Protein backbone atom coordinates (compact mmCIF):
# COMPACT_ATOMS: atom_id res chain seq x y z
CA UNK A 1 -2.85 -51.15 -53.91
CA UNK A 2 -0.90 -54.47 -53.56
CA UNK A 3 -1.76 -58.18 -53.76
CA UNK A 4 -1.41 -60.29 -50.62
CA UNK A 5 -0.18 -63.86 -50.53
CA UNK A 6 -3.75 -65.21 -50.40
CA UNK A 7 -4.72 -63.27 -53.51
CA UNK A 8 -6.69 -60.58 -51.73
CA UNK A 9 -5.92 -56.92 -52.30
CA UNK A 10 -4.79 -54.58 -49.47
CA UNK A 11 -4.96 -50.76 -49.42
CA UNK A 12 -1.61 -49.09 -48.59
CA UNK A 13 -1.78 -45.50 -47.09
CA UNK A 14 0.48 -42.89 -48.58
CA UNK A 15 3.24 -41.64 -46.19
CA UNK A 16 1.89 -38.05 -46.32
CA UNK A 17 -1.53 -39.20 -45.11
CA UNK A 18 0.03 -41.04 -42.18
CA UNK A 19 2.07 -37.97 -41.13
CA UNK A 20 -0.97 -35.70 -41.33
CA UNK A 21 -3.06 -38.04 -39.21
CA UNK A 22 -0.29 -38.32 -36.62
CA UNK A 23 0.13 -34.52 -36.47
CA UNK A 24 -3.60 -34.07 -35.97
CA UNK A 25 -3.62 -36.58 -33.14
CA UNK A 26 -0.70 -34.86 -31.44
CA UNK A 27 -2.38 -31.47 -31.84
CA UNK A 28 -5.50 -32.75 -30.08
CA UNK A 29 -3.34 -34.27 -27.34
CA UNK A 30 -1.47 -31.03 -26.67
CA UNK A 31 -4.64 -28.96 -26.89
CA UNK A 32 -6.14 -31.07 -24.14
CA UNK A 33 -3.22 -30.30 -21.78
CA UNK A 34 -3.92 -27.27 -19.58
CA UNK A 35 -1.62 -24.26 -19.61
CA UNK A 36 0.79 -24.26 -16.68
CA UNK A 37 2.23 -21.38 -14.70
CA UNK A 38 5.07 -20.79 -12.25
CA UNK A 39 4.29 -18.35 -9.42
CA UNK A 40 5.38 -17.30 -5.93
CA UNK A 41 3.53 -17.50 -2.62
CA UNK A 42 4.62 -16.16 0.77
CA UNK A 43 3.94 -18.56 3.64
CA UNK A 44 3.92 -16.21 6.61
CA UNK A 45 4.38 -17.50 10.16
CA UNK A 46 1.33 -17.34 12.37
CA UNK A 47 -0.57 -19.20 15.06
CA UNK A 48 0.41 -22.85 14.72
CA UNK A 49 2.57 -22.11 11.67
CA UNK A 50 6.35 -22.05 12.00
CA UNK A 51 8.36 -20.93 8.99
CA UNK A 52 10.97 -23.61 9.74
CA UNK A 53 8.34 -26.28 9.08
CA UNK A 54 7.98 -25.02 5.50
CA UNK A 55 11.67 -24.68 4.68
CA UNK A 56 12.29 -28.11 3.07
CA UNK A 57 10.71 -28.90 -0.30
CA UNK A 58 10.79 -32.63 0.41
CA UNK A 59 8.51 -32.12 3.44
CA UNK A 60 5.88 -30.11 1.55
CA UNK A 61 2.83 -30.80 -0.60
CA UNK A 62 0.67 -28.21 -2.37
CA UNK A 63 -2.87 -28.40 -3.71
CA UNK A 64 -5.25 -25.82 -5.19
CA UNK A 65 -8.83 -26.99 -4.87
CA UNK A 66 -7.49 -30.58 -4.55
CA UNK A 67 -5.39 -30.21 -7.75
CA UNK A 68 -1.75 -31.06 -6.89
CA UNK A 69 0.94 -28.45 -7.66
CA UNK A 70 4.70 -28.88 -7.81
CA UNK A 71 6.81 -27.03 -5.25
CA UNK A 72 10.06 -26.12 -6.99
CA UNK A 73 11.76 -24.21 -4.20
CA UNK A 74 11.33 -22.98 -0.63
CA UNK A 75 13.52 -20.00 0.27
CA UNK A 76 13.48 -17.56 3.21
CA UNK A 77 12.12 -14.12 2.36
CA UNK A 78 15.27 -12.24 1.41
CA UNK A 79 15.89 -8.59 2.46
CA UNK A 80 14.63 -6.36 -0.33
CA UNK A 81 12.52 -9.10 -1.92
CA UNK A 82 8.96 -8.14 -2.83
CA UNK A 83 7.26 -4.96 -1.64
CA UNK A 84 5.94 -3.69 1.71
CA UNK A 85 2.94 -1.37 2.12
CA UNK A 86 1.69 0.27 5.32
CA UNK A 87 -1.89 1.61 5.22
CA UNK A 88 -3.00 4.03 7.92
CA UNK A 89 -6.79 3.89 7.65
CA UNK A 90 -8.20 7.10 9.13
CA UNK A 91 -11.52 6.39 7.47
CA UNK A 92 -12.14 3.32 9.64
CA UNK A 93 -10.58 4.72 12.83
CA UNK A 94 -12.14 7.16 15.30
CA UNK A 95 -10.61 10.69 15.28
CA UNK A 96 -9.53 10.23 18.92
CA UNK A 97 -7.17 7.53 17.71
CA UNK A 98 -5.71 9.31 14.68
CA UNK A 99 -2.57 10.45 16.50
CA UNK A 100 -1.96 6.87 17.69
CA UNK A 101 -2.46 5.58 14.15
CA UNK A 102 0.12 7.98 12.75
CA UNK A 103 2.51 7.52 15.66
CA UNK A 104 2.43 3.74 15.20
CA UNK A 105 3.38 4.02 11.52
CA UNK A 106 6.03 6.75 11.81
CA UNK A 107 7.68 5.28 14.90
CA UNK A 108 7.93 1.86 13.25
CA UNK A 109 9.31 3.25 9.99
CA UNK A 110 11.96 5.12 11.95
CA UNK A 111 13.06 1.90 13.68
CA UNK A 112 13.10 -0.52 10.74
CA UNK A 113 15.61 -0.40 7.91
CA UNK A 114 14.03 -2.04 4.90
CA UNK A 115 15.38 -1.35 1.42
CA UNK A 116 13.35 -0.38 -0.50
CA UNK A 117 11.47 1.32 2.35
CA UNK A 118 7.77 0.55 2.85
CA UNK A 119 5.23 2.53 0.85
CA UNK A 120 3.09 4.52 3.29
CA UNK A 121 -0.53 5.09 2.20
CA UNK A 122 -3.29 6.97 4.03
CA UNK A 123 -6.99 6.30 3.62
CA UNK A 124 -8.67 9.70 4.03
CA UNK A 125 -5.71 11.53 5.65
CA UNK A 126 -6.91 14.27 8.05
CA UNK A 127 -5.98 17.86 7.32
CA UNK A 128 -3.82 18.09 10.40
CA UNK A 129 -1.45 15.39 9.16
CA UNK A 130 -1.18 15.74 5.39
CA UNK A 131 -1.03 18.22 2.56
CA UNK A 132 -2.01 17.06 -0.91
CA UNK A 133 0.45 17.77 -3.74
CA UNK A 134 -0.03 17.36 -7.48
CA UNK A 135 2.97 17.63 -9.78
CA UNK A 136 0.94 16.71 -12.85
CA UNK A 137 -1.32 13.89 -14.10
CA UNK A 138 -0.50 10.65 -12.32
CA UNK A 139 1.89 12.38 -9.90
CA UNK A 140 -0.39 12.94 -6.93
CA UNK A 141 0.97 12.46 -3.43
CA UNK A 142 0.23 13.39 0.14
CA UNK A 143 3.02 14.89 2.22
CA UNK A 144 3.09 14.35 5.96
CA UNK A 145 3.32 17.78 7.55
CA UNK A 146 2.23 17.20 11.12
CA UNK A 147 4.14 16.93 14.38
CA UNK A 148 7.29 14.86 14.77
CA UNK A 149 6.87 11.20 15.87
CA UNK A 150 7.84 11.98 19.47
CA UNK A 151 5.11 14.63 19.76
CA UNK A 152 2.56 12.28 18.19
CA UNK A 153 3.56 9.49 20.56
CA UNK A 154 3.17 11.87 23.49
CA UNK A 155 -0.30 12.89 22.32
CA UNK A 156 -1.27 9.24 21.85
CA UNK A 157 -0.11 8.20 25.31
CA UNK A 158 -1.60 11.24 27.09
CA UNK A 159 -4.82 11.41 25.10
CA UNK A 160 -4.52 15.19 24.84
CA UNK A 161 -5.02 16.61 21.36
CA UNK A 162 -3.42 20.07 20.89
CA UNK A 163 -6.08 22.78 21.14
CA UNK A 164 -5.15 24.21 17.75
CA UNK A 165 -6.35 21.00 16.04
CA UNK A 166 -9.53 20.36 18.02
CA UNK A 167 -11.54 22.72 15.84
CA UNK A 168 -10.42 21.08 12.59
CA UNK A 169 -13.21 18.63 11.77
CA UNK A 170 -12.74 15.17 10.30
CA UNK A 171 -15.35 14.00 7.79
CA UNK A 172 -15.24 10.25 7.32
CA UNK A 173 -16.80 8.36 4.42
CA UNK A 174 -18.02 5.22 6.17
CA UNK A 175 -15.36 3.00 4.60
CA UNK A 176 -15.72 4.05 0.96
CA UNK A 177 -12.21 5.53 0.85
CA UNK A 178 -10.85 2.39 2.52
CA UNK A 179 -12.30 0.34 -0.31
CA UNK A 180 -10.74 2.65 -2.92
CA UNK A 181 -7.32 2.12 -1.31
CA UNK A 182 -7.92 -1.64 -1.33
CA UNK A 183 -8.82 -1.38 -5.02
CA UNK A 184 -5.71 0.68 -5.75
CA UNK A 185 -3.53 -1.96 -4.07
CA UNK A 186 -4.96 -4.62 -6.36
CA UNK A 187 -4.34 -2.45 -9.40
CA UNK A 188 -0.80 -1.32 -8.59
CA UNK A 189 1.22 -4.53 -8.30
CA UNK A 190 1.98 -7.52 -10.53
CA UNK A 191 3.88 -10.81 -10.37
CA UNK A 192 7.17 -8.89 -10.69
CA UNK A 193 6.46 -7.30 -7.29
CA UNK A 194 5.46 -10.51 -5.46
CA UNK A 195 5.26 -11.11 -2.61
CA UNK A 196 3.55 -7.89 -1.46
CA UNK A 197 3.03 -7.57 2.31
CA UNK A 198 0.29 -5.12 3.34
CA UNK A 199 0.06 -3.95 6.97
CA UNK A 200 -3.38 -2.36 7.40
CA UNK A 201 -3.77 -0.20 10.54
CA UNK A 202 -7.36 0.51 11.63
CA UNK A 203 -10.01 0.03 14.30
CA UNK A 204 -12.61 -1.59 12.03
CA UNK A 205 -12.34 -4.24 9.31
CA UNK A 206 -16.03 -5.01 8.83
CA UNK A 207 -16.03 -3.88 5.20
CA UNK A 208 -13.66 -6.71 4.38
CA UNK A 209 -16.14 -9.18 5.81
CA UNK A 210 -19.31 -7.80 4.25
CA UNK A 211 -19.25 -4.61 2.21
CA UNK A 212 -22.23 -2.36 2.94
CA UNK A 213 -23.03 0.99 1.37
CA UNK A 214 -23.65 4.07 3.53
CA UNK A 215 -25.83 6.95 2.37
CA UNK A 216 -24.11 8.21 -0.79
CA UNK A 217 -25.20 11.79 -0.09
CA UNK A 218 -23.11 11.64 3.07
CA UNK A 219 -19.89 10.70 1.33
CA UNK A 220 -19.82 13.31 -1.43
CA UNK A 221 -17.65 14.17 -3.33
CA UNK A 222 -16.59 10.51 -3.39
CA UNK A 223 -18.28 8.44 -6.15
CA UNK A 224 -20.86 5.97 -4.95
CA UNK A 225 -20.16 2.31 -5.82
CA UNK A 226 -22.97 0.54 -7.65
CA UNK A 227 -22.41 -2.89 -6.14
CA UNK A 228 -21.62 -4.54 -2.82
CA UNK A 229 -18.35 -6.37 -3.46
CA UNK A 230 -16.54 -8.36 -0.81
CA UNK A 231 -12.96 -7.08 -1.31
CA UNK A 232 -11.07 -10.34 -0.62
CA UNK A 233 -13.03 -12.06 -3.42
CA UNK A 234 -13.48 -9.27 -5.96
CA UNK A 235 -10.77 -9.29 -8.63
CA UNK A 236 -9.00 -12.19 -6.95
CA UNK A 237 -6.81 -12.32 -10.08
CA UNK A 238 -4.93 -9.17 -9.01
CA UNK A 239 -4.72 -10.28 -5.37
CA UNK A 240 -3.17 -13.61 -6.36
CA UNK A 241 -0.98 -12.23 -9.16
CA UNK A 242 1.09 -10.04 -6.83
CA UNK A 243 0.63 -12.43 -3.88
CA UNK A 244 -0.99 -9.69 -1.77
CA UNK A 245 -0.81 -10.85 1.83
CA UNK A 246 -2.64 -8.75 4.42
CA UNK A 247 -1.53 -8.30 8.03
CA UNK A 248 -4.27 -6.35 9.89
CA UNK A 249 -3.12 -4.28 12.89
CA UNK A 250 -6.19 -3.68 15.09
CA UNK A 251 -6.53 -0.63 17.35
CA UNK A 252 -8.82 -0.50 20.34
CA UNK A 253 -10.71 2.65 21.29
CA UNK A 254 -8.75 5.34 23.09
CA UNK A 255 -9.93 6.32 26.55
CA UNK A 256 -7.89 9.46 27.28
CA UNK A 257 -4.35 8.15 27.63
CA UNK A 258 -5.20 4.45 27.49
CA UNK A 259 -5.90 2.31 24.43
CA UNK A 260 -8.49 -0.35 25.23
CA UNK A 261 -8.34 -3.87 23.92
CA UNK A 262 -10.28 -4.10 20.64
CA UNK A 263 -13.66 -5.87 20.85
CA UNK A 264 -13.68 -9.53 19.85
CA UNK A 265 -15.97 -8.79 16.90
CA UNK A 266 -13.41 -6.35 15.45
CA UNK A 267 -10.63 -8.88 15.80
CA UNK A 268 -12.72 -11.54 14.05
CA UNK A 269 -13.30 -9.17 11.12
CA UNK A 270 -9.55 -8.67 10.84
CA UNK A 271 -8.95 -12.41 11.15
CA UNK A 272 -11.18 -13.03 8.14
CA UNK A 273 -9.06 -10.74 5.97
CA UNK A 274 -5.85 -12.34 7.25
CA UNK A 275 -7.14 -15.88 6.77
CA UNK A 276 -8.31 -15.24 3.22
CA UNK A 277 -4.98 -13.76 2.16
CA UNK A 278 -2.48 -15.77 4.21
CA UNK A 279 -1.49 -13.19 6.82
CA UNK A 280 -1.92 -12.84 10.58
CA UNK A 281 -3.54 -10.32 12.97
CA UNK A 282 -1.82 -8.09 15.52
CA UNK A 283 -3.60 -6.10 18.25
CA UNK A 284 -1.98 -2.84 19.33
CA UNK A 285 -0.26 -2.71 22.70
CA UNK A 286 2.86 -1.21 24.23
CA UNK A 287 4.58 1.97 23.05
CA UNK A 288 3.67 3.47 19.66
CA UNK A 289 5.46 1.51 16.98
CA UNK A 290 6.04 -1.65 19.02
CA UNK A 291 3.18 -3.64 17.49
CA UNK A 292 3.93 -2.75 13.87
CA UNK A 293 7.66 -3.38 14.27
CA UNK A 294 6.89 -6.81 15.73
CA UNK A 295 4.52 -7.62 12.84
CA UNK A 296 7.06 -6.49 10.24
CA UNK A 297 9.82 -8.56 11.81
CA UNK A 298 7.64 -11.63 12.24
CA UNK A 299 6.37 -11.55 8.64
CA UNK A 300 9.93 -11.15 7.33
CA UNK A 301 10.61 -14.64 8.71
CA UNK A 302 8.24 -16.12 6.15
CA UNK A 303 9.17 -18.57 3.40
CA UNK A 304 8.69 -17.85 -0.31
CA UNK A 305 7.53 -20.93 -2.20
CA UNK A 306 7.86 -21.21 -5.96
CA UNK A 307 5.03 -23.37 -7.29
CA UNK A 308 4.12 -24.68 -10.73
CA UNK A 309 0.85 -26.09 -12.00
CA UNK A 310 -2.17 -25.57 -14.29
CA UNK A 311 -3.86 -22.19 -14.58
CA UNK A 312 -7.36 -21.94 -13.13
CA UNK A 313 -8.76 -19.06 -15.19
CA UNK A 314 -8.51 -18.01 -18.81
CA UNK A 315 -8.08 -14.37 -17.75
CA UNK A 316 -11.28 -13.23 -19.48
CA UNK A 317 -14.10 -13.99 -17.05
CA UNK A 318 -14.20 -13.45 -13.29
CA UNK A 319 -12.18 -16.14 -11.55
CA UNK A 320 -13.53 -18.26 -8.74
CA UNK A 321 -11.39 -18.07 -5.64
CA UNK A 322 -10.10 -21.47 -4.58
CA UNK A 323 -8.24 -22.73 -1.55
CA UNK A 324 -4.49 -23.07 -1.86
CA UNK A 325 -3.24 -25.53 0.77
CA UNK A 326 0.38 -26.16 1.72
CA UNK A 327 0.94 -29.15 3.99
CA UNK A 328 4.16 -29.78 5.86
CA UNK A 329 4.81 -33.19 7.36
CA UNK A 330 6.80 -32.61 10.54
CA UNK A 331 7.54 -35.62 12.77
CA UNK A 332 4.26 -37.27 11.87
CA UNK A 333 2.22 -34.18 12.77
CA UNK A 334 1.30 -32.42 9.51
CA UNK A 335 0.84 -28.64 9.57
CA UNK A 336 -1.51 -26.99 7.10
CA UNK A 337 -1.39 -23.41 5.76
CA UNK A 338 -4.17 -22.01 3.55
CA UNK A 339 -5.29 -18.93 1.63
CA UNK A 340 -7.65 -18.03 -1.23
CA UNK A 341 -5.96 -18.05 -4.60
CA UNK A 342 -6.23 -18.43 -8.38
CA UNK A 343 -3.54 -19.09 -10.98
CA UNK A 344 -3.69 -16.77 -13.99
CA UNK A 345 -2.25 -17.34 -17.47
CA UNK A 346 1.17 -15.76 -17.95
CA UNK A 347 0.86 -12.03 -18.70
CA UNK A 348 -2.94 -11.95 -18.47
CA UNK A 349 -3.08 -9.63 -15.44
CA UNK A 350 -1.64 -6.13 -15.83
CA UNK A 351 -1.83 -3.02 -13.63
CA UNK A 352 -4.83 -0.85 -14.44
CA UNK A 353 -4.28 2.83 -15.27
CA UNK A 354 -6.89 3.94 -12.73
CA UNK A 355 -6.89 3.70 -8.96
CA UNK A 356 -3.14 4.05 -8.49
CA UNK A 357 -1.84 4.38 -4.96
CA UNK A 358 -1.30 7.89 -3.62
CA UNK A 359 1.68 7.61 -1.24
CA UNK A 360 1.98 9.54 1.99
CA UNK A 361 5.50 10.92 1.76
CA UNK A 362 7.42 11.57 4.96
CA UNK A 363 9.68 14.62 4.38
CA UNK A 364 13.36 13.82 4.08
CA UNK A 365 14.34 17.05 5.77
CA UNK A 366 13.04 20.20 7.42
CA UNK A 367 13.06 23.66 5.92
CA UNK A 368 14.87 26.73 7.17
CA UNK A 369 12.30 29.50 7.64
CA UNK A 370 12.54 33.19 8.44
CA UNK A 371 10.17 36.14 8.09
CA UNK A 372 10.26 39.54 6.49
CA UNK A 373 12.47 38.94 3.43
CA UNK A 374 12.45 41.32 0.44
CA UNK A 375 11.37 40.30 -3.06
CA UNK A 376 12.65 42.39 -6.01
CA UNK A 377 9.27 43.92 -6.86
CA UNK A 378 7.66 44.00 -3.39
CA UNK A 379 7.09 46.93 -1.07
CA UNK A 380 8.19 46.90 2.58
CA UNK A 381 4.53 46.48 3.58
CA UNK A 382 4.15 43.15 1.77
CA UNK A 383 4.18 40.06 3.93
CA UNK A 384 6.85 37.51 2.96
CA UNK A 385 8.38 34.24 4.08
CA UNK A 386 11.98 33.17 3.38
CA UNK A 387 12.61 29.49 2.73
CA UNK A 388 16.14 28.05 2.83
CA UNK A 389 16.88 24.69 1.17
CA UNK A 390 19.51 22.29 2.56
CA UNK A 391 22.98 22.10 0.91
CA UNK A 392 22.35 18.72 -0.73
CA UNK A 393 19.43 20.22 -2.65
CA UNK A 394 21.28 23.42 -3.56
CA UNK A 395 24.10 21.37 -5.12
CA UNK A 396 21.71 19.15 -7.11
CA UNK A 397 21.20 19.82 -10.86
CA UNK A 398 19.08 22.89 -11.59
CA UNK A 399 15.34 22.42 -11.81
CA UNK A 400 11.91 23.52 -10.66
CA UNK A 401 10.81 23.86 -7.05
CA UNK A 402 7.13 23.47 -6.12
CA UNK A 403 6.00 25.33 -2.98
CA UNK A 404 2.61 24.69 -1.34
CA UNK A 405 1.47 26.97 1.46
CA UNK A 406 -1.86 26.71 3.28
CA UNK A 407 -3.54 27.87 6.47
CA UNK A 408 -5.37 24.90 8.07
CA UNK A 409 -7.46 27.00 10.47
CA UNK A 410 -8.53 29.56 7.87
CA UNK A 411 -11.33 27.97 5.87
CA UNK A 412 -11.72 31.00 3.59
CA UNK A 413 -8.14 30.98 2.30
CA UNK A 414 -7.19 28.70 -0.58
CA UNK A 415 -3.88 26.87 -0.77
CA UNK A 416 -1.12 28.97 -2.30
CA UNK A 417 1.01 27.22 -4.93
CA UNK A 418 4.22 28.74 -6.31
CA UNK A 419 6.63 27.34 -8.90
CA UNK A 420 10.20 28.64 -8.75
CA UNK A 421 13.36 27.98 -10.75
CA UNK A 422 16.43 26.83 -8.81
CA UNK A 423 19.98 27.13 -10.12
CA UNK A 424 22.72 24.72 -9.12
CA UNK A 425 25.04 26.03 -6.43
CA UNK A 426 22.96 29.15 -5.67
CA UNK A 427 22.08 30.57 -2.27
CA UNK A 428 19.20 28.16 -1.80
CA UNK A 429 17.09 30.91 -0.25
CA UNK A 430 13.68 31.74 -1.72
CA UNK A 431 11.45 34.66 -0.74
CA UNK A 432 7.73 33.98 -1.01
CA UNK A 433 4.97 36.59 -0.99
CA UNK A 434 2.20 35.70 1.44
CA UNK A 435 -1.15 36.38 -0.21
CA UNK A 436 -3.97 37.43 2.16
CA UNK A 437 -1.91 36.29 5.15
CA UNK A 438 -1.90 38.00 8.52
CA UNK A 439 0.51 37.76 11.42
CA UNK A 440 -0.63 35.18 13.97
CA UNK A 441 -2.07 32.76 11.39
CA UNK A 442 -1.08 29.11 11.72
CA UNK A 443 0.50 27.96 8.44
CA UNK A 444 1.92 24.84 6.80
CA UNK A 445 4.42 24.73 3.96
CA UNK A 446 5.54 21.86 1.71
CA UNK A 447 8.45 22.15 -0.72
CA UNK A 448 9.16 19.59 -3.46
CA UNK A 449 12.42 19.86 -5.44
CA UNK A 450 11.76 18.07 -8.71
CA UNK A 451 15.39 17.61 -9.77
CA UNK A 452 16.57 15.89 -6.57
CA UNK A 453 13.23 14.43 -5.41
CA UNK A 454 13.74 16.07 -2.01
CA UNK A 455 10.61 16.86 0.01
CA UNK A 456 10.57 19.20 2.98
CA UNK A 457 7.74 20.38 5.21
CA UNK A 458 7.23 22.62 8.20
CA UNK A 459 4.44 24.31 10.12
CA UNK A 460 4.27 27.25 12.46
CA UNK A 461 2.66 30.61 13.21
CA UNK A 462 3.30 33.64 11.02
CA UNK A 463 5.05 36.38 12.96
CA UNK A 464 6.47 39.75 11.85
CA UNK A 465 6.16 38.80 8.19
CA UNK A 466 6.48 42.27 6.63
CA UNK A 467 9.38 42.69 4.25
CA UNK A 468 12.43 44.83 4.93
CA UNK A 469 14.60 47.12 2.81
C-alpha cells in the first residue's frame, strides 16, 4: 500500500494481477465472437436471374436469415471447376419412357466436352440397359450395355420398343431407390468438390416435395426407411457443404412416338427442388439430348461467389435450413436470388462411408467377338466365345481382366463371371467357355481391364458357338 497526499492509504494492484484480469477479459471477448467460415455458392442463371447481374462484387449484398455475409469474390464458373452429376431416374419414370431417358443422357454426354466428364448415375437401372459389376468392396458399378445412342433415339422418337425387350419386366420401388441416390449424393461430396451441379432426369419429383412411404413388402429387397424425411431439408449440412445445386429435367408421358408436355403438378414438384437448392427446371422437348445440353450450357454460365461469415451450426445437432439471399442492385432495379443453406464449421462435415454413388459407366470401346474358339482343355463339343481386346489395352501393363456374361431373357441362368490374367503385348484374344449356353440365346458381355481401367461391352445372339480343332 502507499500513502496519498491527503494522508489516506490507497491499495496498489500488483502487475501480475492486472495482466491476468486483462487476459480473462479478452478471453471472454473472443469466446463471444462466433466462428466464421469461407465457402462457395453457385448462382445459376434462371428466370429473372442473369449471371451478368451477379458478376460485380460492389453490386452485391448477401444475407443468411438476415445475417449479413461478406462477398469476397464473384467469378464465372470456370471449365473443370466443381463436379457435374447426371441422374437418370428410372424409378420415377414410366417404362415406356426409359429409352427416352437414356437417349437424353447419352446423346448429351456425346455432344458436350466437360473435363472431368459428368458422373452418370442410374436410379434402379433396368436390366436391358445395365449390367452390375463388383470388383471388390466399395468398387461397385453399373456398365451400360444397351443399344447405341442412335438406336435409343430412334426408339424414343418412334415409340417402338424392340420385341426382345418387351418381355423383360421392370419392377419399380415407388421412389425408394430415388431417395437412396439422393442420400448417396449428399454423402459423396464435400467443400473441395463445390459447386456440384446435379441434373436429375425423371417424370416425377413428388418425393422431393413430400416423402411418402409405399408398402415395404412391395419394394423388397430394398430396406424400408423408418421415417418420412423431406430430402431437401434432411442433412442440409451435406447439401450446403458441397453446394449441391439441382437442375430437374422433367419428362412428359410418351404417347407412342410423341412425348407429351408434363402436367403442371409435376413441374411444380420439380420447381420446389430447384428453388430450394438454387437451380432451375427444364422440360424435355426437341431431339433426344437437346434439353439436357441446353441445361448444361445454361448452368455453366453461372457465377461462383466466395462468401465469408459466421457459422450457423455447431456440426453436432441437426441444422435448421435458412434462406441465403443474394441481392444485386442493377440500375435501381434490385434482383434477388435465394436458396436454402447452412454454414458449417470448418471440417465438421465429411463424406460418410455408406451410401456411396454407384456410377453408370459408358463403355470406352466395343469388343471384338467371334464364336467357336478352342480352349486348351476343352472338347470340340464345348460352346465357346472368343473376345478380342483393342490394341491400347493389349499394350497396357499386365493385369487382371474381369469378364461378366449373362443372358437377359433366360431367368434360370445366373451371370457368369470369369477372371483372367492378361500379359502385356500378347494377342489380346481370350477364349471363354459358355456354361449352360445354347445357340440362339441372347447374351450380354462386359469386360473390365483393371490395369488400364478400360471397359468394353457388347450384346448379341449366340450362334455356332461350338469349339473347333
